[in-house]
Amino acid sequence: MRRRVFGVLIGGLVLASTAAGPQAAAAEPCRWIAHDLPLPANSEWARTSGSSENNRFIVGEAEVGSDVGQSGLLWDDGVLTRLPSAGSSSIGVRPKDVNNDGVVVGRQVFYGQQRSLAFRWRGGSFELLPTPAGYSSRAEGINNLGDVVGEVWHEDDPEVRDVVVWPRTGSTTSLSSYIAVGISDGGKYAHLSQTSGFVNDLATGQQVELPGARRPMVLDNDRLFYATAAGIEERALTGELVATWDSGTWSWGRTSSGNVVFGAINRVATLWQWGIHYSLDSAKQPVVSENYYGDVTDGGALIGVYHDARGGSHPARWFWCG
């Protein structure tokens, strides 16, 4: 299904660029069409922030009405659930990732205390993940087994962070690093220091370094992506270089087959198919920013956020030819 969808796309672009004459001019070319994800009434500054590997679930957040903090949002096959308030309108709920079972992780932001705590949400209730006294924390990723990766930092020195794994069973693992990226079902978690990238094995403690890796780094379908001078490098979790995606300056993810990569060249949304890249043809362009999540699903849809004429943000899914 995916091969057919994207094969038609490439063919359509070639035909559109080579055809001539009145009949060709009258033809309506295919495009990527944005379908808005539903939002609560009076929502502002809505955005996506993660999705499950099976692409059933998407998470995000929005400022809703007069609430002080952000509201967490969960879409299940496009059907919206607003995560319940954490107990006060001064507490923001900011999801970051969701697994195939619909378990959501992220952070609760306590605005009056200038503090945040990592949470796991499942079955309609929140669970705050263990965080030392005097520290803040946030969850950045969850695998399908329930292992969570994130960061903790002392509230007096928020620029110095440790990457933490809250495993589904056993004790918490912590190491001196800087930014948590994600965790695979095989228990390998990716993270960044100020100068390099790393993959650690939760079971063995073995570490692989990725010299020169930098943010933004993405972990998707057991592959790591980050920009270099040559383009976007795609690496296996063992550190081997799989591919370099020409001219890419940003990546959001790949299909499970690896045939299609979704990212950007100089902040223009771009798709690579078997090494060929082309700009996303859509009236509503996905916003390319570290503040907005994007992905390409195995079913051939795109996930992201676009801006309207007034600068408002809208979470959406893009489908080829409508």
C-alpha atoms as a PDB file:
ATOM      1  CA  MET A   1       0.000   0.000   0.000  1.00  0.00           C
ATOM      2  CA  ARG A   2       2.765   2.393   0.932  1.00  0.00           C
ATOM      3  CA  ARG A   3       4.786   1.609  -2.205  1.00  0.00           C
ATOM      4  CA  ARG A   4       1.758   2.300  -4.395  1.00  0.00           C
ATOM      5  CA  VAL A   5       0.903   5.582  -2.664  1.00  0.00           C
ATOM      6  CA  PHE A   6       4.350   7.062  -2.958  1.00  0.00           C
ATOM      7  CA  GLY A   7       4.979   5.577  -6.395  1.00  0.00           C
ATOM      8  CA  VAL A   8       1.904   7.381  -7.682  1.00  0.00           C
ATOM      9  CA  LEU A   9       3.187  10.560  -6.074  1.00  0.00           C
ATOM     10  CA  ILE A  10       6.502  10.459  -7.884  1.00  0.00           C
ATOM     11  CA  GLY A  11       4.806   9.583 -11.146  1.00  0.00           C
ATOM     12  CA  GLY A  12       2.389  12.481 -10.750  1.00  0.00           C
ATOM     13  CA  LEU A  13       5.208  14.920 -10.199  1.00  0.00           C
ATOM     14  CA  VAL A  14       7.056  13.686 -13.276  1.00  0.00           C
ATOM     15  CA  LEU A  15       3.965  13.938 -15.453  1.00  0.00           C
ATOM     16  CA  ALA A  16       3.159  17.401 -14.146  1.00  0.00           C
ATOM     17  CA  SER A  17       6.632  18.638 -14.989  1.00  0.00           C
ATOM     18  CA  THR A  18       6.820  17.160 -18.491  1.00  0.00           C
ATOM     19  CA  ALA A  19       3.292  17.456 -19.910  1.00  0.00           C
ATOM     20  CA  ALA A  20       2.413  20.390 -22.202  1.00  0.00           C
ATOM     21  CA  GLY A  21      -0.547  21.792 -24.127  1.00  0.00           C
ATOM     22  CA  PRO A  22      -4.124  22.743 -23.239  1.00  0.00           C
ATOM     23  CA  GLN A  23      -5.120  19.294 -22.001  1.00  0.00           C
ATOM     24  CA  ALA A  24      -2.205  19.142 -19.578  1.00  0.00           C
ATOM     25  CA  ALA A  25      -2.951  22.663 -18.347  1.00  0.00           C
ATOM     26  CA  ALA A  26      -6.553  21.686 -17.611  1.00  0.00           C
ATOM     27  CA  ALA A  27      -5.610  18.623 -15.569  1.00  0.00           C
ATOM     28  CA  GLU A  28      -5.839  18.945 -11.797  1.00  0.00           C
ATOM     29  CA  PRO A  29      -2.550  17.692 -10.299  1.00  0.00           C
ATOM     30  CA  CYS A  30      -2.521  15.672  -7.090  1.00  0.00           C
ATOM     31  CA  ARG A  31      -1.375  17.401  -3.901  1.00  0.00           C
ATOM     32  CA  TRP A  32      -0.965  16.690  -0.226  1.00  0.00           C
ATOM     33  CA  ILE A  33      -4.187  17.768   1.498  1.00  0.00           C
ATOM     34  CA  ALA A  34      -4.153  18.729   5.185  1.00  0.00           C
ATOM     35  CA  HIS A  35      -6.944  17.304   7.333  1.00  0.00           C
ATOM     36  CA  ASP A  36      -7.240  19.121  10.671  1.00  0.00           C
ATOM     37  CA  LEU A  37      -7.190  17.030  13.824  1.00  0.00           C
ATOM     38  CA  PRO A  38     -10.148  17.996  16.074  1.00  0.00           C
ATOM     39  CA  LEU A  39      -9.506  20.366  18.980  1.00  0.00           C
ATOM     40  CA  PRO A  40     -11.379  21.462  22.106  1.00  0.00           C
ATOM     41  CA  ALA A  41     -13.407  24.654  21.711  1.00  0.00           C
ATOM     42  CA  ASN A  42     -11.468  27.911  22.185  1.00  0.00           C
ATOM     43  CA  SER A  43      -8.119  26.250  21.562  1.00  0.00           C
ATOM     44  CA  GLU A  44      -5.011  28.270  20.727  1.00  0.00           C
ATOM     45  CA  TRP A  45      -1.416  27.384  19.933  1.00  0.00           C
ATOM     46  CA  ALA A  46      -2.236  23.726  19.398  1.00  0.00           C
ATOM     47  CA  ARG A  47       0.466  21.350  18.235  1.00  0.00           C
ATOM     48  CA  THR A  48       1.422  17.711  17.860  1.00  0.00           C
ATOM     49  CA  SER A  49       4.249  16.328  19.973  1.00  0.00           C
ATOM     50  CA  GLY A  50       4.435  12.567  19.315  1.00  0.00           C
ATOM     51  CA  SER A  51       2.814   9.478  17.848  1.00  0.00           C
ATOM     52  CA  SER A  52       2.788   5.717  18.330  1.00  0.00           C
ATOM     53  CA  GLU A  53       4.735   3.392  16.066  1.00  0.00           C
ATOM     54  CA  ASN A  54       1.506   1.842  14.781  1.00  0.00           C
ATOM     55  CA  ASN A  55       0.339   5.404  13.967  1.00  0.00           C
ATOM     56  CA  ARG A  56      -2.973   4.845  15.757  1.00  0.00           C
ATOM     57  CA  PHE A  57      -2.276   7.396  18.488  1.00  0.00           C
ATOM     58  CA  ILE A  58      -1.067  11.012  18.252  1.00  0.00           C
ATOM     59  CA  VAL A  59      -0.436  13.285  21.241  1.00  0.00           C
ATOM     60  CA  GLY A  60      -0.226  17.053  21.481  1.00  0.00           C
ATOM     61  CA  GLU A  61      -1.233  20.067  23.522  1.00  0.00           C
ATOM     62  CA  ALA A  62      -3.161  23.311  23.298  1.00  0.00           C
ATOM     63  CA  GLU A  63      -3.993  26.389  25.323  1.00  0.00           C
ATOM     64  CA  VAL A  64      -7.743  26.099  25.906  1.00  0.00           C
ATOM     65  CA  GLY A  65      -9.949  29.024  26.917  1.00  0.00           C
ATOM     66  CA  SER A  66      -8.916  30.760  30.119  1.00  0.00           C
ATOM     67  CA  ASP A  67      -6.820  27.863  31.441  1.00  0.00           C
ATOM     68  CA  VAL A  68      -3.381  29.014  32.564  1.00  0.00           C
ATOM     69  CA  GLY A  69      -1.593  25.796  31.672  1.00  0.00           C
ATOM     70  CA  GLN A  70      -1.526  23.709  28.519  1.00  0.00           C
ATOM     71  CA  SER A  71      -4.047  20.900  28.060  1.00  0.00           C
ATOM     72  CA  GLY A  72      -2.838  17.490  26.955  1.00  0.00           C
ATOM     73  CA  LEU A  73      -4.496  16.025  23.861  1.00  0.00           C
ATOM     74  CA  LEU A  74      -4.695  12.440  22.595  1.00  0.00           C
ATOM     75  CA  TRP A  75      -6.070  11.433  19.193  1.00  0.00           C
ATOM     76  CA  ASP A  76      -7.041   7.784  18.697  1.00  0.00           C
ATOM     77  CA  ASP A  77      -7.462   7.253  14.943  1.00  0.00           C
ATOM     78  CA  GLY A  78      -8.373  10.934  14.739  1.00  0.00           C
ATOM     79  CA  VAL A  79     -10.869  10.876  17.652  1.00  0.00           C
ATOM     80  CA  LEU A  80      -9.931  13.440  20.317  1.00  0.00           C
ATOM     81  CA  THR A  81      -9.558  12.794  24.043  1.00  0.00           C
ATOM     82  CA  ARG A  82      -8.589  15.720  26.265  1.00  0.00           C
ATOM     83  CA  LEU A  83      -6.361  14.493  29.070  1.00  0.00           C
ATOM     84  CA  PRO A  84      -7.891  15.415  32.425  1.00  0.00           C
ATOM     85  CA  SER A  85      -6.572  18.362  34.373  1.00  0.00           C
ATOM     86  CA  ALA A  86      -3.725  17.545  36.722  1.00  0.00           C
ATOM     87  CA  GLY A  87      -5.738  19.147  39.544  1.00  0.00           C
ATOM     88  CA  SER A  88      -5.307  22.869  38.944  1.00  0.00           C
ATOM     89  CA  SER A  89      -5.562  25.303  36.046  1.00  0.00           C
ATOM     90  CA  SER A  90      -2.063  26.486  36.996  1.00  0.00           C
ATOM     91  CA  ILE A  91      -0.606  23.079  36.108  1.00  0.00           C
ATOM     92  CA  GLY A  92       0.136  22.494  32.445  1.00  0.00           C
ATOM     93  CA  VAL A  93      -0.096  18.997  30.968  1.00  0.00           C
ATOM     94  CA  ARG A  94       2.432  18.603  28.167  1.00  0.00           C
ATOM     95  CA  PRO A  95       2.531  15.154  26.488  1.00  0.00           C
ATOM     96  CA  LYS A  96       5.634  14.164  24.571  1.00  0.00           C
ATOM     97  CA  ASP A  97       5.174  10.583  23.375  1.00  0.00           C
ATOM     98  CA  VAL A  98       2.706   7.694  23.256  1.00  0.00           C
ATOM     99  CA  ASN A  99       3.139   3.967  22.654  1.00  0.00           C
ATOM    100  CA  ASN A 100       1.046   1.433  20.758  1.00  0.00           C
ATOM    101  CA  ASP A 101      -1.113   0.801  23.851  1.00  0.00           C
ATOM    102  CA  GLY A 102      -2.041   4.481  24.189  1.00  0.00           C
ATOM    103  CA  VAL A 103       0.175   5.075  27.242  1.00  0.00           C
ATOM    104  CA  VAL A 104       1.169   8.761  27.236  1.00  0.00           C
ATOM    105  CA  VAL A 105       4.289  10.289  28.800  1.00  0.00           C
ATOM    106  CA  GLY A 106       5.379  13.885  29.194  1.00  0.00           C
ATOM    107  CA  ARG A 107       5.571  16.430  31.981  1.00  0.00           C
ATOM    108  CA  GLN A 108       3.331  18.402  34.271  1.00  0.00           C
ATOM    109  CA  VAL A 109       4.461  22.027  34.578  1.00  0.00           C
ATOM    110  CA  PHE A 110       3.825  23.748  37.918  1.00  0.00           C
ATOM    111  CA  TYR A 111       3.928  27.397  36.924  1.00  0.00           C
ATOM    112  CA  GLY A 112       3.784  28.887  40.407  1.00  0.00           C
ATOM    113  CA  GLN A 113       6.746  26.757  41.501  1.00  0.00           C
ATOM    114  CA  GLN A 114       8.719  26.964  38.224  1.00  0.00           C
ATOM    115  CA  ARG A 115       8.983  23.190  38.355  1.00  0.00           C
ATOM    116  CA  SER A 116       8.062  20.259  36.123  1.00  0.00           C
ATOM    117  CA  LEU A 117       7.607  16.555  36.852  1.00  0.00           C
ATOM    118  CA  ALA A 118       7.623  13.642  34.427  1.00  0.00           C
ATOM    119  CA  PHE A 119       4.347  11.735  34.174  1.00  0.00           C
ATOM    120  CA  ARG A 120       2.875   8.591  32.700  1.00  0.00           C
ATOM    121  CA  TRP A 121      -0.850   8.600  31.816  1.00  0.00           C
ATOM    122  CA  ARG A 122      -2.806   5.415  31.259  1.00  0.00           C
ATOM    123  CA  GLY A 123      -6.308   4.249  31.941  1.00  0.00           C
ATOM    124  CA  GLY A 124      -7.476   7.804  32.604  1.00  0.00           C
ATOM    125  CA  SER A 125      -5.082   8.620  35.466  1.00  0.00           C
ATOM    126  CA  PHE A 126      -1.687  10.259  35.928  1.00  0.00           C
ATOM    127  CA  GLU A 127       1.356   8.727  37.587  1.00  0.00           C
ATOM    128  CA  LEU A 128       4.268  11.015  38.457  1.00  0.00           C
ATOM    129  CA  LEU A 129       7.586   9.297  37.746  1.00  0.00           C
ATOM    130  CA  PRO A 130      10.166   9.170  40.577  1.00  0.00           C
ATOM    131  CA  THR A 131      12.088  12.454  40.768  1.00  0.00           C
ATOM    132  CA  PRO A 132      14.507  13.426  43.577  1.00  0.00           C
ATOM    133  CA  ALA A 133      13.504  16.238  45.921  1.00  0.00           C
ATOM    134  CA  GLY A 134      14.699  19.600  44.637  1.00  0.00           C
ATOM    135  CA  TYR A 135      14.809  18.365  41.054  1.00  0.00           C
ATOM    136  CA  SER A 136      12.602  18.746  38.006  1.00  0.00           C
ATOM    137  CA  SER A 137      12.058  16.097  35.360  1.00  0.00           C
ATOM    138  CA  ARG A 138      10.428  15.428  32.014  1.00  0.00           C
ATOM    139  CA  ALA A 139       9.691  12.261  30.037  1.00  0.00           C
ATOM    140  CA  GLU A 140      10.754  12.364  26.380  1.00  0.00           C
ATOM    141  CA  GLY A 141       9.985   8.901  25.045  1.00  0.00           C
ATOM    142  CA  ILE A 142       8.289   5.577  25.794  1.00  0.00           C
ATOM    143  CA  ASN A 143       8.675   2.215  24.057  1.00  0.00           C
ATOM    144  CA  ASN A 144       5.955  -0.382  23.550  1.00  0.00           C
ATOM    145  CA  LEU A 145       7.109  -2.326  26.613  1.00  0.00           C
ATOM    146  CA  GLY A 146       6.583   0.676  28.895  1.00  0.00           C
ATOM    147  CA  ASP A 147      10.188   1.812  29.460  1.00  0.00           C
ATOM    148  CA  VAL A 148      10.429   5.608  29.651  1.00  0.00           C
ATOM    149  CA  VAL A 149      13.420   7.868  28.926  1.00  0.00           C
ATOM    150  CA  GLY A 150      13.732  11.504  29.953  1.00  0.00           C
ATOM    151  CA  GLU A 151      15.773  14.032  31.880  1.00  0.00           C
ATOM    152  CA  VAL A 152      16.191  15.320  35.440  1.00  0.00           C
ATOM    153  CA  TRP A 153      17.872  18.530  36.582  1.00  0.00           C
ATOM    154  CA  HIS A 154      18.406  20.463  39.784  1.00  0.00           C
ATOM    155  CA  GLU A 155      16.035  23.392  39.962  1.00  0.00           C
ATOM    156  CA  ASP A 156      18.930  25.745  40.795  1.00  0.00           C
ATOM    157  CA  ASP A 157      20.890  24.694  37.693  1.00  0.00           C
ATOM    158  CA  PRO A 158      18.471  23.754  34.881  1.00  0.00           C
ATOM    159  CA  GLU A 159      21.163  23.827  32.167  1.00  0.00           C
ATOM    160  CA  VAL A 160      22.920  20.769  33.647  1.00  0.00           C
ATOM    161  CA  ARG A 161      20.807  17.682  32.957  1.00  0.00           C
ATOM    162  CA  ASP A 162      21.057  13.940  33.426  1.00  0.00           C
ATOM    163  CA  VAL A 163      19.368  11.445  31.124  1.00  0.00           C
ATOM    164  CA  VAL A 164      17.197   9.006  33.068  1.00  0.00           C
ATOM    165  CA  VAL A 165      15.438   5.751  32.188  1.00  0.00           C
ATOM    166  CA  TRP A 166      12.391   4.808  34.224  1.00  0.00           C
ATOM    167  CA  PRO A 167      12.158   1.089  33.302  1.00  0.00           C
ATOM    168  CA  ARG A 168       8.901  -0.851  33.399  1.00  0.00           C
ATOM    169  CA  THR A 169      10.538  -3.053  36.056  1.00  0.00           C
ATOM    170  CA  GLY A 170      13.637  -2.590  38.181  1.00  0.00           C
ATOM    171  CA  SER A 171      15.529   0.470  39.334  1.00  0.00           C
ATOM    172  CA  THR A 172      15.957   3.811  37.602  1.00  0.00           C
ATOM    173  CA  THR A 173      19.068   4.282  35.444  1.00  0.00           C
ATOM    174  CA  SER A 174      20.807   7.668  35.297  1.00  0.00           C
ATOM    175  CA  LEU A 175      23.901   8.966  33.501  1.00  0.00           C
ATOM    176  CA  SER A 176      25.559  12.296  32.895  1.00  0.00           C
ATOM    177  CA  SER A 177      24.433  13.514  29.518  1.00  0.00           C
ATOM    178  CA  TYR A 178      22.311  16.373  28.245  1.00  0.00           C
ATOM    179  CA  ILE A 179      19.297  15.551  26.069  1.00  0.00           C
ATOM    180  CA  ALA A 180      17.188  12.400  25.927  1.00  0.00           C
ATOM    181  CA  VAL A 181      16.110  11.414  22.400  1.00  0.00           C
ATOM    182  CA  GLY A 182      14.119   8.182  22.615  1.00  0.00           C
ATOM    183  CA  ILE A 183      14.063   4.509  23.570  1.00  0.00           C
ATOM    184  CA  SER A 184      13.564   1.439  21.378  1.00  0.00           C
ATOM    185  CA  ASP A 185      11.586  -1.707  22.113  1.00  0.00           C
ATOM    186  CA  GLY A 186      14.942  -3.466  22.361  1.00  0.00           C
ATOM    187  CA  GLY A 187      15.900  -1.312  25.341  1.00  0.00           C
ATOM    188  CA  LYS A 188      18.398   0.924  23.552  1.00  0.00           C
ATOM    189  CA  TYR A 189      18.088   4.596  24.335  1.00  0.00           C
ATOM    190  CA  ALA A 190      19.612   7.505  22.429  1.00  0.00           C
ATOM    191  CA  HIS A 191      20.845  10.723  23.991  1.00  0.00           C
ATOM    192  CA  LEU A 192      23.089  13.689  23.346  1.00  0.00           C
ATOM    193  CA  SER A 193      25.867  15.453  25.195  1.00  0.00           C
ATOM    194  CA  GLN A 194      27.051  18.935  24.253  1.00  0.00           C
ATOM    195  CA  THR A 195      29.369  17.516  21.582  1.00  0.00           C
ATOM    196  CA  SER A 196      28.305  13.991  20.663  1.00  0.00           C
ATOM    197  CA  GLY A 197      25.523  11.431  20.447  1.00  0.00           C
ATOM    198  CA  PHE A 198      25.260   8.077  22.171  1.00  0.00           C
ATOM    199  CA  VAL A 199      23.222   4.885  22.200  1.00  0.00           C
ATOM    200  CA  ASN A 200      23.132   2.929  25.471  1.00  0.00           C
ATOM    201  CA  ASP A 201      21.860  -0.606  25.987  1.00  0.00           C
ATOM    202  CA  LEU A 202      19.623  -0.751  29.047  1.00  0.00           C
ATOM    203  CA  ALA A 203      20.327  -4.451  29.638  1.00  0.00           C
ATOM    204  CA  THR A 204      24.114  -4.525  29.201  1.00  0.00           C
ATOM    205  CA  GLY A 205      25.174  -0.925  29.777  1.00  0.00           C
ATOM    206  CA  GLN A 206      27.147  -1.005  26.527  1.00  0.00           C
ATOM    207  CA  GLN A 207      27.514   2.424  24.917  1.00  0.00           C
ATOM    208  CA  VAL A 208      28.062   3.383  21.271  1.00  0.00           C
ATOM    209  CA  GLU A 209      29.223   6.924  20.468  1.00  0.00           C
ATOM    210  CA  LEU A 210      28.102   8.896  17.419  1.00  0.00           C
ATOM    211  CA  PRO A 211      30.793  11.591  17.093  1.00  0.00           C
ATOM    212  CA  GLY A 212      29.459  14.890  15.820  1.00  0.00           C
ATOM    213  CA  ALA A 213      25.788  14.024  16.339  1.00  0.00           C
ATOM    214  CA  ARG A 214      23.746  17.017  17.392  1.00  0.00           C
ATOM    215  CA  ARG A 215      20.234  18.177  18.025  1.00  0.00           C
ATOM    216  CA  PRO A 216      17.727  17.795  16.667  1.00  0.00           C
ATOM    217  CA  MET A 217      18.159  14.042  16.627  1.00  0.00           C
ATOM    218  CA  VAL A 218      15.229  11.706  15.937  1.00  0.00           C
ATOM    219  CA  LEU A 219      14.774   8.040  16.834  1.00  0.00           C
ATOM    220  CA  ASP A 220      12.200   6.385  14.567  1.00  0.00           C
ATOM    221  CA  ASN A 221      11.717   2.741  13.558  1.00  0.00           C
ATOM    222  CA  ASP A 222      15.053   1.784  15.168  1.00  0.00           C
ATOM    223  CA  ARG A 223      16.969   4.393  13.164  1.00  0.00           C
ATOM    224  CA  LEU A 224      18.632   7.626  14.267  1.00  0.00           C
ATOM    225  CA  PHE A 225      18.579  10.781  12.141  1.00  0.00           C
ATOM    226  CA  TYR A 226      20.541  14.013  12.475  1.00  0.00           C
ATOM    227  CA  ALA A 227      21.845  16.669  10.112  1.00  0.00           C
ATOM    228  CA  THR A 228      25.453  16.905   8.915  1.00  0.00           C
ATOM    229  CA  ALA A 229      27.219  18.971   6.256  1.00  0.00           C
ATOM    230  CA  ALA A 230      26.483  16.204   3.714  1.00  0.00           C
ATOM    231  CA  GLY A 231      22.785  15.922   4.573  1.00  0.00           C
ATOM    232  CA  ILE A 232      20.751  13.899   7.040  1.00  0.00           C
ATOM    233  CA  GLU A 233      22.632  10.871   8.317  1.00  0.00           C
ATOM    234  CA  GLU A 234      20.605   7.756   9.047  1.00  0.00           C
ATOM    235  CA  ARG A 235      22.279   5.368  11.469  1.00  0.00           C
ATOM    236  CA  ALA A 236      21.382   2.028  12.992  1.00  0.00           C
ATOM    237  CA  LEU A 237      21.252   1.784  16.786  1.00  0.00           C
ATOM    238  CA  THR A 238      24.580  -0.063  16.564  1.00  0.00           C
ATOM    239  CA  GLY A 239      26.143   3.100  15.153  1.00  0.00           C
ATOM    240  CA  GLU A 240      26.588   2.014  11.515  1.00  0.00           C
ATOM    241  CA  LEU A 241      25.806   4.542   8.799  1.00  0.00           C
ATOM    242  CA  VAL A 242      22.787   3.324   6.789  1.00  0.00           C
ATOM    243  CA  ALA A 243      22.268   6.249   4.405  1.00  0.00           C
ATOM    244  CA  THR A 244      22.859   9.947   3.883  1.00  0.00           C
ATOM    245  CA  TRP A 245      19.804  11.861   2.691  1.00  0.00           C
ATOM    246  CA  ASP A 246      21.084  14.469   0.258  1.00  0.00           C
ATOM    247  CA  SER A 247      20.838  18.150   1.267  1.00  0.00           C
ATOM    248  CA  GLY A 248      18.615  17.397   4.271  1.00  0.00           C
ATOM    249  CA  THR A 249      18.819  19.796   7.201  1.00  0.00           C
ATOM    250  CA  TRP A 250      16.045  18.302   9.336  1.00  0.00           C
ATOM    251  CA  SER A 251      14.382  14.928   9.813  1.00  0.00           C
ATOM    252  CA  TRP A 252      11.114  13.821  11.383  1.00  0.00           C
ATOM    253  CA  GLY A 253      11.105  10.106  10.615  1.00  0.00           C
ATOM    254  CA  ARG A 254      10.821   7.216   8.162  1.00  0.00           C
ATOM    255  CA  THR A 255       8.472   4.450   7.157  1.00  0.00           C
ATOM    256  CA  SER A 256       9.246   1.050   8.662  1.00  0.00           C
ATOM    257  CA  SER A 257      10.580  -0.128   5.280  1.00  0.00           C
ATOM    258  CA  GLY A 258      12.875   2.898   5.039  1.00  0.00           C
ATOM    259  CA  ASN A 259      11.681   3.695   1.520  1.00  0.00           C
ATOM    260  CA  VAL A 260      10.369   7.129   2.508  1.00  0.00           C
ATOM    261  CA  VAL A 261      11.927   9.714   4.827  1.00  0.00           C
ATOM    262  CA  PHE A 262      10.094  12.887   5.903  1.00  0.00           C
ATOM    263  CA  GLY A 263      12.118  15.964   6.799  1.00  0.00           C
ATOM    264  CA  ALA A 264      13.168  19.325   5.440  1.00  0.00           C
ATOM    265  CA  ILE A 265      15.727  21.179   3.390  1.00  0.00           C
ATOM    266  CA  ASN A 266      16.319  24.694   4.715  1.00  0.00           C
ATOM    267  CA  ARG A 267      12.970  24.618   6.561  1.00  0.00           C
ATOM    268  CA  VAL A 268      10.999  23.524   3.507  1.00  0.00           C
ATOM    269  CA  ALA A 269       9.089  20.291   4.184  1.00  0.00           C
ATOM    270  CA  THR A 270      10.634  17.578   2.001  1.00  0.00           C
ATOM    271  CA  LEU A 271      10.186  13.897   1.234  1.00  0.00           C
ATOM    272  CA  TRP A 272      12.924  11.492   0.153  1.00  0.00           C
ATOM    273  CA  GLN A 273      11.852   8.377  -1.725  1.00  0.00           C
ATOM    274  CA  TRP A 274      14.609   5.888  -2.492  1.00  0.00           C
ATOM    275  CA  GLY A 275      17.149   8.702  -2.485  1.00  0.00           C
ATOM    276  CA  ILE A 276      15.176  11.250  -4.554  1.00  0.00           C
ATOM    277  CA  HIS A 277      13.937  14.334  -2.724  1.00  0.00           C
ATOM    278  CA  TYR A 278      11.141  16.741  -3.568  1.00  0.00           C
ATOM    279  CA  SER A 279       9.366  19.545  -1.716  1.00  0.00           C
ATOM    280  CA  LEU A 280       5.980  18.819  -0.200  1.00  0.00           C
ATOM    281  CA  ASP A 281       3.273  20.013  -2.589  1.00  0.00           C
ATOM    282  CA  SER A 282       0.538  21.349  -0.299  1.00  0.00           C
ATOM    283  CA  ALA A 283      -1.420  24.562   0.145  1.00  0.00           C
ATOM    284  CA  LYS A 284      -0.829  24.177   3.897  1.00  0.00           C
ATOM    285  CA  GLN A 285       2.833  23.595   4.613  1.00  0.00           C
ATOM    286  CA  PRO A 286       3.990  21.716   7.731  1.00  0.00           C
ATOM    287  CA  VAL A 287       5.923  23.985  10.074  1.00  0.00           C
ATOM    288  CA  VAL A 288       9.584  22.993  10.344  1.00  0.00           C
ATOM    289  CA  SER A 289      10.654  23.690  13.907  1.00  0.00           C
ATOM    290  CA  GLU A 290      12.021  21.837  16.906  1.00  0.00           C
ATOM    291  CA  ASN A 291       8.870  22.984  18.733  1.00  0.00           C
ATOM    292  CA  TYR A 292       6.589  21.030  16.386  1.00  0.00           C
ATOM    293  CA  TYR A 293       6.528  17.273  15.905  1.00  0.00           C
ATOM    294  CA  GLY A 294       6.198  15.576  12.530  1.00  0.00           C
ATOM    295  CA  ASP A 295       6.254  12.032  11.170  1.00  0.00           C
ATOM    296  CA  VAL A 296       5.466   9.879   8.134  1.00  0.00           C
ATOM    297  CA  THR A 297       3.228   6.876   8.795  1.00  0.00           C
ATOM    298  CA  ASP A 298       3.502   3.440   7.254  1.00  0.00           C
ATOM    299  CA  GLY A 299       0.096   4.016   5.683  1.00  0.00           C
ATOM    300  CA  GLY A 300       1.429   6.935   3.649  1.00  0.00           C
ATOM    301  CA  ALA A 301       0.112   9.863   5.725  1.00  0.00           C
ATOM    302  CA  LEU A 302       2.098  12.747   7.225  1.00  0.00           C
ATOM    303  CA  ILE A 303       1.680  14.199  10.720  1.00  0.00           C
ATOM    304  CA  GLY A 304       2.510  17.764  11.686  1.00  0.00           C
ATOM    305  CA  VAL A 305       1.329  21.324  12.245  1.00  0.00           C
ATOM    306  CA  TYR A 306       0.616  24.179   9.845  1.00  0.00           C
ATOM    307  CA  HIS A 307       0.164  27.918  10.439  1.00  0.00           C
ATOM    308  CA  ASP A 308      -2.850  29.855   9.204  1.00  0.00           C
ATOM    309  CA  ALA A 309      -2.789  33.405   7.841  1.00  0.00           C
ATOM    310  CA  ARG A 310      -3.009  34.816  11.377  1.00  0.00           C
ATOM    311  CA  GLY A 311      -0.148  32.692  12.653  1.00  0.00           C
ATOM    312  CA  GLY A 312      -2.329  30.227  14.533  1.00  0.00           C
ATOM    313  CA  SER A 313      -1.155  26.608  14.631  1.00  0.00           C
ATOM    314  CA  HIS A 314      -3.259  23.611  13.615  1.00  0.00           C
ATOM    315  CA  PRO A 315      -2.373  19.921  14.162  1.00  0.00           C
ATOM    316  CA  ALA A 316      -3.136  17.959  11.009  1.00  0.00           C
ATOM    317  CA  ARG A 317      -2.604  14.837   8.980  1.00  0.00           C
ATOM    318  CA  TRP A 318      -1.721  15.140   5.286  1.00  0.00           C
ATOM    319  CA  PHE A 319      -3.062  12.643   2.772  1.00  0.00           C
ATOM    320  CA  TRP A 320      -1.987  12.339  -0.865  1.00  0.00           C
ATOM    321  CA  CYS A 321      -4.707  13.530  -3.289  1.00  0.00           C
ATOM    322  CA  GLY A 322      -7.164  14.253  -0.496  1.00  0.00           C
END
